[in-house]
C-alpha atoms as a PDB file:
ATOM      1  CA  MET A   1       1.987  26.201 -22.010  1.00  0.00           C
ATOM      2  CA  ALA A   2      -1.162  24.391 -20.860  1.00  0.00           C
ATOM      3  CA  GLN A   3       0.844  21.248 -20.139  1.00  0.00           C
ATOM      4  CA  ARG A   4       3.306  23.244 -18.049  1.00  0.00           C
ATOM      5  CA  ALA A   5       0.451  24.552 -15.897  1.00  0.00           C
ATOM      6  CA  ALA A   6      -1.007  21.039 -15.634  1.00  0.00           C
ATOM      7  CA  ALA A   7       2.400  19.657 -14.598  1.00  0.00           C
ATOM      8  CA  LEU A   8       2.779  22.344 -11.941  1.00  0.00           C
ATOM      9  CA  GLY A   9      -0.728  21.576 -10.684  1.00  0.00           C
ATOM     10  CA  ALA A  10       0.073  17.854 -10.545  1.00  0.00           C
ATOM     11  CA  PHE A  11       3.271  18.645  -8.619  1.00  0.00           C
ATOM     12  CA  ARG A  12       1.318  20.671  -6.072  1.00  0.00           C
ATOM     13  CA  THR A  13      -1.339  17.965  -5.810  1.00  0.00           C
ATOM     14  CA  VAL A  14       1.123  15.172  -5.073  1.00  0.00           C
ATOM     15  CA  VAL A  15       3.100  17.317  -2.596  1.00  0.00           C
ATOM     16  CA  ARG A  16      -0.085  18.215  -0.711  1.00  0.00           C
ATOM     17  CA  ALA A  17      -1.174  14.578  -0.679  1.00  0.00           C
ATOM     18  CA  SER A  18       2.191  13.563   0.784  1.00  0.00           C
ATOM     19  CA  GLU A  19       1.859  16.281   3.440  1.00  0.00           C
ATOM     20  CA  ARG A  20      -1.576  14.959   4.419  1.00  0.00           C
ATOM     21  CA  CYS A  21      -0.368  11.377   4.372  1.00  0.00           C
ATOM     22  CA  PHE A  22       2.839  11.854   6.382  1.00  0.00           C
ATOM     23  CA  THR A  23       1.719  14.529   8.855  1.00  0.00           C
ATOM     24  CA  GLY A  24       3.977  14.504  11.914  1.00  0.00           C
ATOM     25  CA  ASP A  25       6.564  12.172  10.352  1.00  0.00           C
ATOM     26  CA  LYS A  26       9.408  14.483   9.345  1.00  0.00           C
ATOM     27  CA  VAL A  27      11.616  11.730   7.947  1.00  0.00           C
ATOM     28  CA  ALA A  28       8.925  10.229   5.708  1.00  0.00           C
ATOM     29  CA  LEU A  29       7.739  13.655   4.574  1.00  0.00           C
ATOM     30  CA  THR A  30      11.276  14.796   3.729  1.00  0.00           C
ATOM     31  CA  GLU A  31      11.972  11.623   1.761  1.00  0.00           C
ATOM     32  CA  ALA A  32       8.646  11.835  -0.066  1.00  0.00           C
ATOM     33  CA  LYS A  33       9.291  15.436  -1.089  1.00  0.00           C
ATOM     34  CA  LYS A  34      12.816  14.560  -2.253  1.00  0.00           C
ATOM     35  CA  ARG A  35      11.455  11.738  -4.377  1.00  0.00           C
ATOM     36  CA  ILE A  36       8.692  13.916  -5.841  1.00  0.00           C
ATOM     37  CA  ARG A  37      11.179  16.657  -6.742  1.00  0.00           C
ATOM     38  CA  SER A  38      13.615  14.193  -8.300  1.00  0.00           C
ATOM     39  CA  GLU A  39      10.875  12.528 -10.376  1.00  0.00           C
ATOM     40  CA  PHE A  40       9.652  15.878 -11.692  1.00  0.00           C
ATOM     41  CA  ALA A  41      13.219  17.131 -12.284  1.00  0.00           C
ATOM     42  CA  SER A  42      14.068  14.009 -14.291  1.00  0.00           C
ATOM     43  CA  ARG A  43      11.206  14.825 -16.673  1.00  0.00           C
ATOM     44  CA  LYS A  44      11.876  18.569 -16.838  1.00  0.00           C
ATOM     45  CA  ASN A  45      13.181  18.573 -20.414  1.00  0.00           C
ATOM     46  CA  GLU A  46      10.560  16.204 -21.833  1.00  0.00           C
ATOM     47  CA  VAL A  47       9.091  17.495 -25.113  1.00  0.00           C
ATOM     48  CA  ASP A  48       6.844  14.608 -26.186  1.00  0.00           C
ATOM     49  CA  PRO A  49       3.242  15.641 -25.360  1.00  0.00           C
ATOM     50  CA  ALA A  50       2.156  12.025 -24.810  1.00  0.00           C
ATOM     51  CA  ALA A  51       4.979  11.420 -22.322  1.00  0.00           C
ATOM     52  CA  ILE A  52       4.174  14.666 -20.507  1.00  0.00           C
ATOM     53  CA  THR A  53       0.501  13.715 -20.278  1.00  0.00           C
ATOM     54  CA  ALA A  54       1.442  10.250 -18.979  1.00  0.00           C
ATOM     55  CA  SER A  55       3.712  11.795 -16.333  1.00  0.00           C
ATOM     56  CA  ILE A  56       0.974  14.175 -15.205  1.00  0.00           C
ATOM     57  CA  LYS A  57      -1.464  11.261 -14.945  1.00  0.00           C
ATOM     58  CA  MET A  58       1.073   9.259 -12.934  1.00  0.00           C
ATOM     59  CA  ALA A  59       1.498  12.175 -10.506  1.00  0.00           C
ATOM     60  CA  THR A  60      -2.236  12.634 -10.003  1.00  0.00           C
ATOM     61  CA  ASP A  61      -2.711   8.864  -9.618  1.00  0.00           C
ATOM     62  CA  THR A  62       0.077   8.854  -7.013  1.00  0.00           C
ATOM     63  CA  ALA A  63      -1.663  11.625  -5.081  1.00  0.00           C
ATOM     64  CA  LEU A  64      -4.929   9.689  -5.207  1.00  0.00           C
ATOM     65  CA  PHE A  65      -3.168   6.517  -4.034  1.00  0.00           C
ATOM     66  CA  LEU A  66      -1.565   8.348  -1.096  1.00  0.00           C
ATOM     67  CA  ASP A  67      -4.912   9.820  -0.079  1.00  0.00           C
ATOM     68  CA  LYS A  68      -6.885   6.590  -0.371  1.00  0.00           C
ATOM     69  CA  TYR A  69      -4.603   3.703   0.500  1.00  0.00           C
ATOM     70  CA  VAL A  70      -1.633   4.812   2.621  1.00  0.00           C
ATOM     71  CA  VAL A  71      -2.295   4.854   6.363  1.00  0.00           C
ATOM     72  CA  GLN A  72       0.091   6.201   8.958  1.00  0.00           C
ATOM     73  CA  GLY A  73       0.774   3.966  11.937  1.00  0.00           C
ATOM     74  CA  ALA A  74       2.724   4.494  15.159  1.00  0.00           C
ATOM     75  CA  LYS A  75       3.569   2.120  17.981  1.00  0.00           C
ATOM     76  CA  ARG A  76       1.701   2.924  21.176  1.00  0.00           C
ATOM     77  CA  GLU A  77       3.910   3.719  24.137  1.00  0.00           C
ATOM     78  CA  GLN A  78       1.538   2.455  26.826  1.00  0.00           C
ATOM     79  CA  LYS A  79       0.846  -0.972  25.368  1.00  0.00           C
ATOM     80  CA  ASP A  80       3.142  -3.629  24.002  1.00  0.00           C
ATOM     81  CA  GLN A  81       2.822  -4.776  20.410  1.00  0.00           C
ATOM     82  CA  THR A  82      -0.034  -2.451  19.498  1.00  0.00           C
ATOM     83  CA  PHE A  83      -0.125   0.279  16.908  1.00  0.00           C
ATOM     84  CA  GLU A  84      -2.344   3.284  16.425  1.00  0.00           C
ATOM     85  CA  LEU A  85      -3.470   3.942  12.853  1.00  0.00           C
ATOM     86  CA  ARG A  86      -4.287   7.433  11.659  1.00  0.00           C
ATOM     87  CA  ILE A  87      -7.153   6.852   9.260  1.00  0.00           C
ATOM     88  CA  ARG A  88      -8.249   9.966   7.398  1.00  0.00           C
ATOM     89  CA  ASP A  89     -11.633  10.820   5.896  1.00  0.00           C
ATOM     90  CA  THR A  90     -10.233  10.064   2.445  1.00  0.00           C
ATOM     91  CA  THR A  91      -8.930   6.610   3.403  1.00  0.00           C
ATOM     92  CA  GLN A  92     -10.702   3.847   1.500  1.00  0.00           C
ATOM     93  CA  LEU A  93     -11.989   1.178   3.853  1.00  0.00           C
ATOM     94  CA  ASP A  94     -12.732  -1.988   1.914  1.00  0.00           C
ATOM     95  CA  THR A  95     -14.174  -5.215   3.153  1.00  0.00           C
ATOM     96  CA  ASN A  96     -12.322  -8.403   2.406  1.00  0.00           C
ATOM     97  CA  PRO A  97     -13.109  -9.942  -0.964  1.00  0.00           C
ATOM     98  CA  PRO A  98     -15.509 -12.879  -0.900  1.00  0.00           C
ATOM     99  CA  VAL A  99     -14.083 -16.353  -0.579  1.00  0.00           C
ATOM    100  CA  LYS A 100     -13.783 -18.083  -3.912  1.00  0.00           C
ATOM    101  CA  CYS A 101     -15.324 -21.540  -3.819  1.00  0.00           C
ATOM    102  CA  LYS A 102     -14.269 -24.573  -5.798  1.00  0.00           C
ATOM    103  CA  ASN A 103     -17.000 -24.124  -8.387  1.00  0.00           C
ATOM    104  CA  GLY A 104     -16.112 -20.440  -8.889  1.00  0.00           C
ATOM    105  CA  ASP A 105     -19.377 -19.110  -7.409  1.00  0.00           C
ATOM    106  CA  LYS A 106     -18.457 -16.181  -5.149  1.00  0.00           C
ATOM    107  CA  ASN A 107     -21.817 -16.257  -3.347  1.00  0.00           C
ATOM    108  CA  ALA A 108     -21.680 -19.940  -2.395  1.00  0.00           C
ATOM    109  CA  THR A 109     -20.654 -21.159   1.028  1.00  0.00           C
ATOM    110  CA  PRO A 110     -16.959 -22.034   1.087  1.00  0.00           C
ATOM    111  CA  SER A 111     -15.997 -25.682   1.326  1.00  0.00           C
ATOM    112  CA  PRO A 112     -15.149 -26.858   4.840  1.00  0.00           C
ATOM    113  CA  ALA A 113     -11.529 -27.416   5.748  1.00  0.00           C
ATOM    114  CA  PRO A 114     -10.291 -30.947   5.078  1.00  0.00           C
ATOM    115  CA  GLN A 115     -10.671 -33.311   8.026  1.00  0.00           C
ATOM    116  CA  GLY A 116      -8.086 -35.726   9.304  1.00  0.00           C
ATOM    117  CA  PRO A 117      -4.524 -35.428  10.464  1.00  0.00           C
ATOM    118  CA  SER A 118      -2.411 -32.635   9.122  1.00  0.00           C
ATOM    119  CA  PRO A 119       0.704 -33.716   7.246  1.00  0.00           C
ATOM    120  CA  CYS A 120       2.641 -31.323   9.467  1.00  0.00           C
ATOM    121  CA  SER A 121       1.378 -32.807  12.735  1.00  0.00           C
ATOM    122  CA  SER A 122       2.665 -36.333  12.136  1.00  0.00           C
ATOM    123  CA  ALA A 123       5.687 -37.541  14.061  1.00  0.00           C
ATOM    124  CA  PRO A 124       9.026 -37.009  12.357  1.00  0.00           C
ATOM    125  CA  ARG A 125      10.192 -39.981  10.347  1.00  0.00           C
ATOM    126  CA  PRO A 126      13.796 -41.188  10.378  1.00  0.00           C
ATOM    127  CA  PHE A 127      15.710 -41.008   7.130  1.00  0.00           C
END
C-alpha cells in the first residue's frame, strides 16, 4: 500500500512539474499529460517491488528534469528571428564547461587556433 501512495505522489509531482513547465502552451501541456497518463497506465498492473520503485524514481527524476532543464520559448512578434525564454526560479543556469586543452589540464589556457590557410578556403581543384 505504501508503494501505491508513493506512485500516486510521483504521478502528482510529474503532472505539476509539466504544468509549471508548459504554462500557457495548451498543446504541449495536453501532450505531456497524455504521455504521463499512458506511462503510468502501462505500469498499472506491475507487481515487482523493484520495478515499481524504479518507475517511481523515473517519474520523480522526470519532474526534476522538467523543473530544472526545460525552458519554454516563444517567438517575439515585434522582432524578427528573436525568441523570448521563460526562465523560472527553478531553472538551472550553468556556465559552459571549461575548454579542454591538449594536455588535459582544464585550467590551462587553450591552444591558439592553427594559423595558415584553411583547407576549405582554397580554390576548387579540377578533377
